């Protein structure tokens, strides 16, 4: 397995300059830096090439995440909106390729966070989404990109809430570059068993996010059974990315979107955040590699 962290652990705004994080995560003991891909279309081609080159020099793999904005909802009833969404993704995939990002995860089948002021048409949206995802998968395949369908908790999404729905969706799409993505934060809310959910995903699991129940970095004494999760991942032969997605800072667009209403860092400075991340990945490797 390869271990990573999402850049937004240190940030209060989505997007921005990812380049400084390459050397940081390398120094802290990670193999992967996960970046936000929703605004890559704004990034100059040269900057993305530089990011990819620096990652290659440092031996750091880049992966991507995106919580689609409503205008990029593949389940939309508006065919013009779907066309616009596919155009957006086509541009994004080209930008990802420039940086060497070959994996994109999130609620790509719908949008995030869901507006529950209207009752969603889950059955209709499911059918529309599966059909459009086949088209998106074909676009992604042209760029060598794998799409990972993230199972979200009920408060953030409705189309895929647990591993069984994720597996059902991926099997319905039936494209080799469309995989299941699980996240322990969401699993802690929705799954009866974290380990059985992993085993159910089996060889369809393409990306795995980790974090404590309150979105702190994994740590000893937390509520998530990391050793058992590691055993389940080894049981299914998972050799992919394990990316922690901690959110502890209050404020900014990140804090507002993730609903951080108290400072979970306790006023920690950057050096302390770095130390927590380094300690967390060392702990996680020990739990997951069975050492």
Protein backbone atom coordinates (compact mmCIF):
# COMPACT_ATOMS: atom_id res chain seq x y z
CA UNK A 1 0.00 0.00 0.00
CA UNK A 2 1.03 3.61 -0.58
CA UNK A 3 0.22 6.33 1.95
CA UNK A 4 -0.84 9.89 1.29
CA UNK A 5 -2.49 13.00 2.65
CA UNK A 6 -4.86 15.60 1.24
CA UNK A 7 -3.26 19.05 0.95
CA UNK A 8 -6.32 20.76 2.49
CA UNK A 9 -5.29 19.52 5.94
CA UNK A 10 -3.19 22.69 6.02
CA UNK A 11 -5.49 25.02 4.06
CA UNK A 12 -8.69 27.03 4.48
CA UNK A 13 -9.33 27.55 0.74
CA UNK A 14 -9.73 24.99 -2.04
CA UNK A 15 -7.21 24.99 -4.85
CA UNK A 16 -4.15 27.20 -4.86
CA UNK A 17 -0.50 26.28 -5.25
CA UNK A 18 0.16 22.60 -4.57
CA UNK A 19 3.87 22.69 -5.41
CA UNK A 20 5.18 23.44 -1.88
CA UNK A 21 3.34 20.41 -0.52
CA UNK A 22 5.32 17.94 -2.61
CA UNK A 23 8.53 18.32 -0.59
CA UNK A 24 6.55 18.71 2.65
CA UNK A 25 4.73 15.38 2.37
CA UNK A 26 7.94 13.67 1.28
CA UNK A 27 9.70 14.97 4.40
CA UNK A 28 6.82 13.84 6.62
CA UNK A 29 6.97 10.24 5.36
CA UNK A 30 4.20 10.08 2.76
CA UNK A 31 4.21 8.50 -0.70
CA UNK A 32 1.24 10.45 -2.09
CA UNK A 33 -0.02 14.02 -2.21
CA UNK A 34 -3.71 14.37 -3.01
CA UNK A 35 -4.76 17.63 -4.66
CA UNK A 36 -8.10 19.29 -5.44
CA UNK A 37 -8.97 19.08 -9.14
CA UNK A 38 -12.10 21.24 -9.31
CA UNK A 39 -10.19 24.36 -10.35
CA UNK A 40 -7.32 22.85 -12.33
CA UNK A 41 -8.78 24.43 -15.46
CA UNK A 42 -7.63 27.77 -14.06
CA UNK A 43 -4.04 26.59 -13.66
CA UNK A 44 -1.52 27.39 -16.42
CA UNK A 45 -0.25 24.35 -18.28
CA UNK A 46 3.33 25.22 -17.34
CA UNK A 47 2.55 25.25 -13.62
CA UNK A 48 0.97 21.82 -13.83
CA UNK A 49 3.91 20.40 -15.74
CA UNK A 50 6.22 21.82 -13.07
CA UNK A 51 4.10 20.21 -10.35
CA UNK A 52 4.33 16.84 -12.07
CA UNK A 53 8.05 17.15 -12.63
CA UNK A 54 8.69 18.06 -9.00
CA UNK A 55 6.54 15.15 -7.81
CA UNK A 56 8.53 12.79 -10.05
CA UNK A 57 11.81 14.17 -8.70
CA UNK A 58 10.65 13.68 -5.12
CA UNK A 59 9.18 10.23 -5.78
CA UNK A 60 5.73 11.44 -4.78
CA UNK A 61 2.59 10.17 -6.50
CA UNK A 62 -0.16 12.73 -7.15
CA UNK A 63 -3.82 11.77 -6.83
CA UNK A 64 -6.87 13.99 -7.24
CA UNK A 65 -10.17 14.65 -5.56
CA UNK A 66 -13.27 16.57 -6.59
CA UNK A 67 -16.63 17.17 -4.95
CA UNK A 68 -18.56 18.18 -8.09
CA UNK A 69 -20.32 21.52 -8.10
CA UNK A 70 -24.05 21.36 -8.96
CA UNK A 71 -23.36 22.43 -12.54
CA UNK A 72 -21.25 19.28 -12.96
CA UNK A 73 -23.95 16.87 -11.82
CA UNK A 74 -23.97 13.87 -14.18
CA UNK A 75 -27.37 12.83 -12.82
CA UNK A 76 -29.01 16.11 -13.90
CA UNK A 77 -32.29 16.05 -15.83
CA UNK A 78 -30.93 18.85 -18.03
CA UNK A 79 -29.00 17.38 -20.99
CA UNK A 80 -27.30 20.72 -21.67
CA UNK A 81 -25.93 20.72 -18.12
CA UNK A 82 -24.58 17.21 -18.62
CA UNK A 83 -22.88 18.28 -21.85
CA UNK A 84 -21.28 21.19 -20.01
CA UNK A 85 -20.18 18.84 -17.22
CA UNK A 86 -18.54 16.45 -19.67
CA UNK A 87 -16.75 19.38 -21.30
CA UNK A 88 -15.49 20.46 -17.87
CA UNK A 89 -14.20 16.99 -17.11
CA UNK A 90 -12.51 16.74 -20.51
CA UNK A 91 -10.57 19.93 -19.73
CA UNK A 92 -9.82 18.73 -16.20
CA UNK A 93 -8.51 15.38 -17.43
CA UNK A 94 -6.12 17.13 -19.82
CA UNK A 95 -4.86 19.30 -16.96
CA UNK A 96 -4.49 16.25 -14.72
CA UNK A 97 -2.46 14.50 -17.38
CA UNK A 98 -0.04 17.43 -17.53
CA UNK A 99 0.69 16.96 -13.82
CA UNK A 100 0.73 13.18 -13.99
CA UNK A 101 -2.43 12.74 -11.91
CA UNK A 102 -4.02 9.43 -12.91
CA UNK A 103 -6.66 8.98 -10.21
CA UNK A 104 -9.72 11.11 -9.45
CA UNK A 105 -12.06 10.37 -6.58
CA UNK A 106 -15.20 11.85 -5.06
CA UNK A 107 -18.95 11.99 -5.64
CA UNK A 108 -18.30 12.13 -9.38
CA UNK A 109 -21.61 10.39 -10.03
CA UNK A 110 -23.59 13.34 -8.61
CA UNK A 111 -22.63 16.58 -6.86
CA UNK A 112 -21.49 17.70 -3.42
CA UNK A 113 -22.78 18.68 -0.96
CA UNK A 114 -26.35 17.79 -1.89
CA UNK A 115 -29.12 20.39 -1.64
CA UNK A 116 -31.84 18.67 0.37
CA UNK A 117 -34.34 21.51 0.05
CA UNK A 118 -35.85 19.33 -2.70
CA UNK A 119 -36.42 15.59 -2.32
CA UNK A 120 -34.03 13.82 -4.70
CA UNK A 121 -35.20 11.34 -7.32
CA UNK A 122 -32.77 8.61 -6.34
CA UNK A 123 -33.99 5.96 -8.80
CA UNK A 124 -34.07 8.34 -11.75
CA UNK A 125 -30.79 9.98 -10.84
CA UNK A 126 -29.15 6.58 -10.45
CA UNK A 127 -30.15 5.52 -13.98
CA UNK A 128 -29.07 8.82 -15.51
CA UNK A 129 -25.82 8.83 -13.60
CA UNK A 130 -24.82 5.30 -14.62
CA UNK A 131 -25.45 6.10 -18.30
CA UNK A 132 -23.42 9.34 -18.16
CA UNK A 133 -20.64 7.73 -16.11
CA UNK A 134 -19.99 5.31 -18.96
CA UNK A 135 -19.38 8.33 -21.18
CA UNK A 136 -17.17 9.96 -18.57
CA UNK A 137 -15.20 6.74 -18.10
CA UNK A 138 -14.49 6.61 -21.83
CA UNK A 139 -13.18 10.21 -21.70
CA UNK A 140 -11.03 9.42 -18.66
CA UNK A 141 -9.63 6.31 -20.31
CA UNK A 142 -8.20 8.45 -23.11
CA UNK A 143 -6.02 10.14 -20.47
CA UNK A 144 -5.17 7.01 -18.49
CA UNK A 145 -7.30 8.15 -15.54
CA UNK A 146 -9.16 5.96 -13.05
CA UNK A 147 -12.41 7.32 -11.57
CA UNK A 148 -13.20 6.36 -7.97
CA UNK A 149 -16.83 6.54 -6.81
CA UNK A 150 -16.84 7.71 -3.20
CA UNK A 151 -19.50 6.42 -0.85
CA UNK A 152 -20.72 9.41 1.19
CA UNK A 153 -22.71 9.66 4.39
CA UNK A 154 -26.43 10.49 4.17
CA UNK A 155 -25.93 14.12 5.21
CA UNK A 156 -23.67 14.88 2.23
CA UNK A 157 -25.04 12.61 -0.48
CA UNK A 158 -27.89 10.25 -1.33
CA UNK A 159 -26.96 8.26 -4.42
CA UNK A 160 -24.20 6.09 -2.91
CA UNK A 161 -24.16 5.82 0.90
CA UNK A 162 -22.42 2.52 1.60
CA UNK A 163 -20.11 -0.07 0.09
CA UNK A 164 -22.94 -2.19 -1.27
CA UNK A 165 -24.38 0.74 -3.22
CA UNK A 166 -20.90 1.67 -4.43
CA UNK A 167 -20.25 -1.86 -5.68
CA UNK A 168 -23.69 -2.01 -7.31
CA UNK A 169 -23.04 1.28 -9.10
CA UNK A 170 -19.56 0.33 -10.30
CA UNK A 171 -20.80 -3.01 -11.60
CA UNK A 172 -23.64 -1.26 -13.41
CA UNK A 173 -21.22 1.13 -15.13
CA UNK A 174 -19.00 -1.84 -16.02
CA UNK A 175 -15.92 0.13 -17.07
CA UNK A 176 -12.44 -1.07 -16.06
CA UNK A 177 -11.36 2.42 -14.96
CA UNK A 178 -14.35 3.00 -12.65
CA UNK A 179 -13.73 1.79 -9.10
CA UNK A 180 -15.13 1.95 -5.56
CA UNK A 181 -13.82 4.52 -3.09
CA UNK A 182 -14.38 4.13 0.65
CA UNK A 183 -13.68 6.63 3.42
CA UNK A 184 -13.60 5.69 7.11
CA UNK A 185 -15.28 8.97 8.12
CA UNK A 186 -18.35 8.19 5.99
CA UNK A 187 -18.16 4.47 6.72
CA UNK A 188 -18.29 5.15 10.46
CA UNK A 189 -21.74 6.68 9.92
CA UNK A 190 -23.21 4.32 7.34
CA UNK A 191 -21.68 0.85 7.60
CA UNK A 192 -22.69 -1.89 10.02
CA UNK A 193 -19.13 -3.20 9.83
CA UNK A 194 -16.13 -1.26 8.55
CA UNK A 195 -14.19 -4.43 7.81
CA UNK A 196 -17.02 -6.26 6.05
CA UNK A 197 -17.60 -3.21 3.86
CA UNK A 198 -13.97 -3.41 2.74
CA UNK A 199 -14.28 -7.12 2.07
CA UNK A 200 -17.48 -6.57 0.10
CA UNK A 201 -15.72 -4.03 -2.12
CA UNK A 202 -12.95 -6.56 -2.71
CA UNK A 203 -11.01 -6.12 -5.92
CA UNK A 204 -13.26 -3.21 -6.96
CA UNK A 205 -11.72 -1.00 -4.26
CA UNK A 206 -9.67 1.61 -6.09
CA UNK A 207 -9.00 4.28 -3.46
CA UNK A 208 -9.23 4.42 0.32
CA UNK A 209 -9.56 7.51 2.52
CA UNK A 210 -8.80 7.39 6.21
CA UNK A 211 -9.52 9.63 9.17
CA UNK A 212 -10.88 9.46 12.68
CA UNK A 213 -14.62 9.73 13.34
CA UNK A 214 -14.22 13.48 13.94
CA UNK A 215 -11.85 13.87 10.95
CA UNK A 216 -8.64 14.12 12.94
CA UNK A 217 -5.63 12.22 11.58
CA UNK A 218 -5.57 8.50 12.51
CA UNK A 219 -3.95 8.01 15.90
CA UNK A 220 -3.61 5.53 18.77
CA UNK A 221 -6.59 5.60 21.10
CA UNK A 222 -9.04 6.83 18.47
CA UNK A 223 -12.42 5.25 17.79
CA UNK A 224 -11.59 3.65 14.44
CA UNK A 225 -10.20 0.05 14.63
CA UNK A 226 -7.15 0.63 12.43
CA UNK A 227 -5.51 -2.75 12.95
CA UNK A 228 -8.72 -4.55 11.96
CA UNK A 229 -9.09 -2.32 8.90
CA UNK A 230 -5.51 -3.12 7.93
CA UNK A 231 -6.26 -6.83 8.19
CA UNK A 232 -9.31 -6.44 5.96
CA UNK A 233 -7.30 -4.51 3.35
CA UNK A 234 -4.63 -7.22 3.33
CA UNK A 235 -7.31 -9.90 3.09
CA UNK A 236 -8.59 -8.45 -0.19
CA UNK A 237 -5.06 -7.93 -1.50
CA UNK A 238 -5.40 -4.16 -1.58
CA UNK A 239 -2.18 -2.55 -2.78
CA UNK A 240 -3.51 0.89 -3.70
CA UNK A 241 -3.56 4.36 -2.20
CA UNK A 242 -4.41 4.97 1.46
CA UNK A 243 -4.93 8.72 1.74
CA UNK A 244 -5.71 10.48 4.99
CA UNK A 245 -8.15 13.37 4.66
CA UNK A 246 -8.01 15.16 8.01
CA UNK A 247 -9.80 18.46 8.60
CA UNK A 248 -9.04 20.26 11.86
CA UNK A 249 -8.91 23.97 11.00
CA UNK A 250 -11.94 26.21 11.39
CA UNK A 251 -12.65 29.00 8.90
CA UNK A 252 -12.50 29.72 5.20
CA UNK A 253 -14.33 27.85 2.45
CA UNK A 254 -12.85 24.53 3.49
CA UNK A 255 -14.06 24.92 7.06
CA UNK A 256 -17.51 26.03 5.88
CA UNK A 257 -17.92 23.17 3.38
CA UNK A 258 -16.65 20.51 5.78
CA UNK A 259 -18.67 22.01 8.65
CA UNK A 260 -15.81 22.62 11.06
CA UNK A 261 -17.44 24.84 13.70
CA UNK A 262 -14.73 24.56 16.36
CA UNK A 263 -10.97 24.58 16.13
CA UNK A 264 -10.09 20.88 16.31
CA UNK A 265 -6.41 21.80 16.12
CA UNK A 266 -6.49 23.61 19.45
CA UNK A 267 -4.59 26.51 17.92
CA UNK A 268 -1.82 24.31 16.51
CA UNK A 269 0.79 26.01 14.34
CA UNK A 270 2.12 24.57 11.08
CA UNK A 271 4.98 22.76 12.80
CA UNK A 272 2.59 20.94 15.11
CA UNK A 273 0.23 20.07 12.24
CA UNK A 274 3.25 18.64 10.42
CA UNK A 275 4.25 16.58 13.45
CA UNK A 276 0.74 15.17 13.83
CA UNK A 277 0.73 14.16 10.16
CA UNK A 278 4.14 12.50 10.41
CA UNK A 279 3.16 10.64 13.58
CA UNK A 280 -0.13 9.58 12.00
CA UNK A 281 1.33 8.09 8.83
CA UNK A 282 3.98 6.21 10.82
CA UNK A 283 1.26 4.81 13.09
CA UNK A 284 -0.98 3.91 10.14
CA UNK A 285 1.80 2.07 8.33
CA UNK A 286 2.41 0.01 11.43
CA UNK A 287 -1.28 -0.89 11.74
CA UNK A 288 -1.88 -1.62 8.05
CA UNK A 289 1.32 -3.45 7.23
CA UNK A 290 0.86 -5.77 10.20
CA UNK A 291 4.15 -4.80 11.80
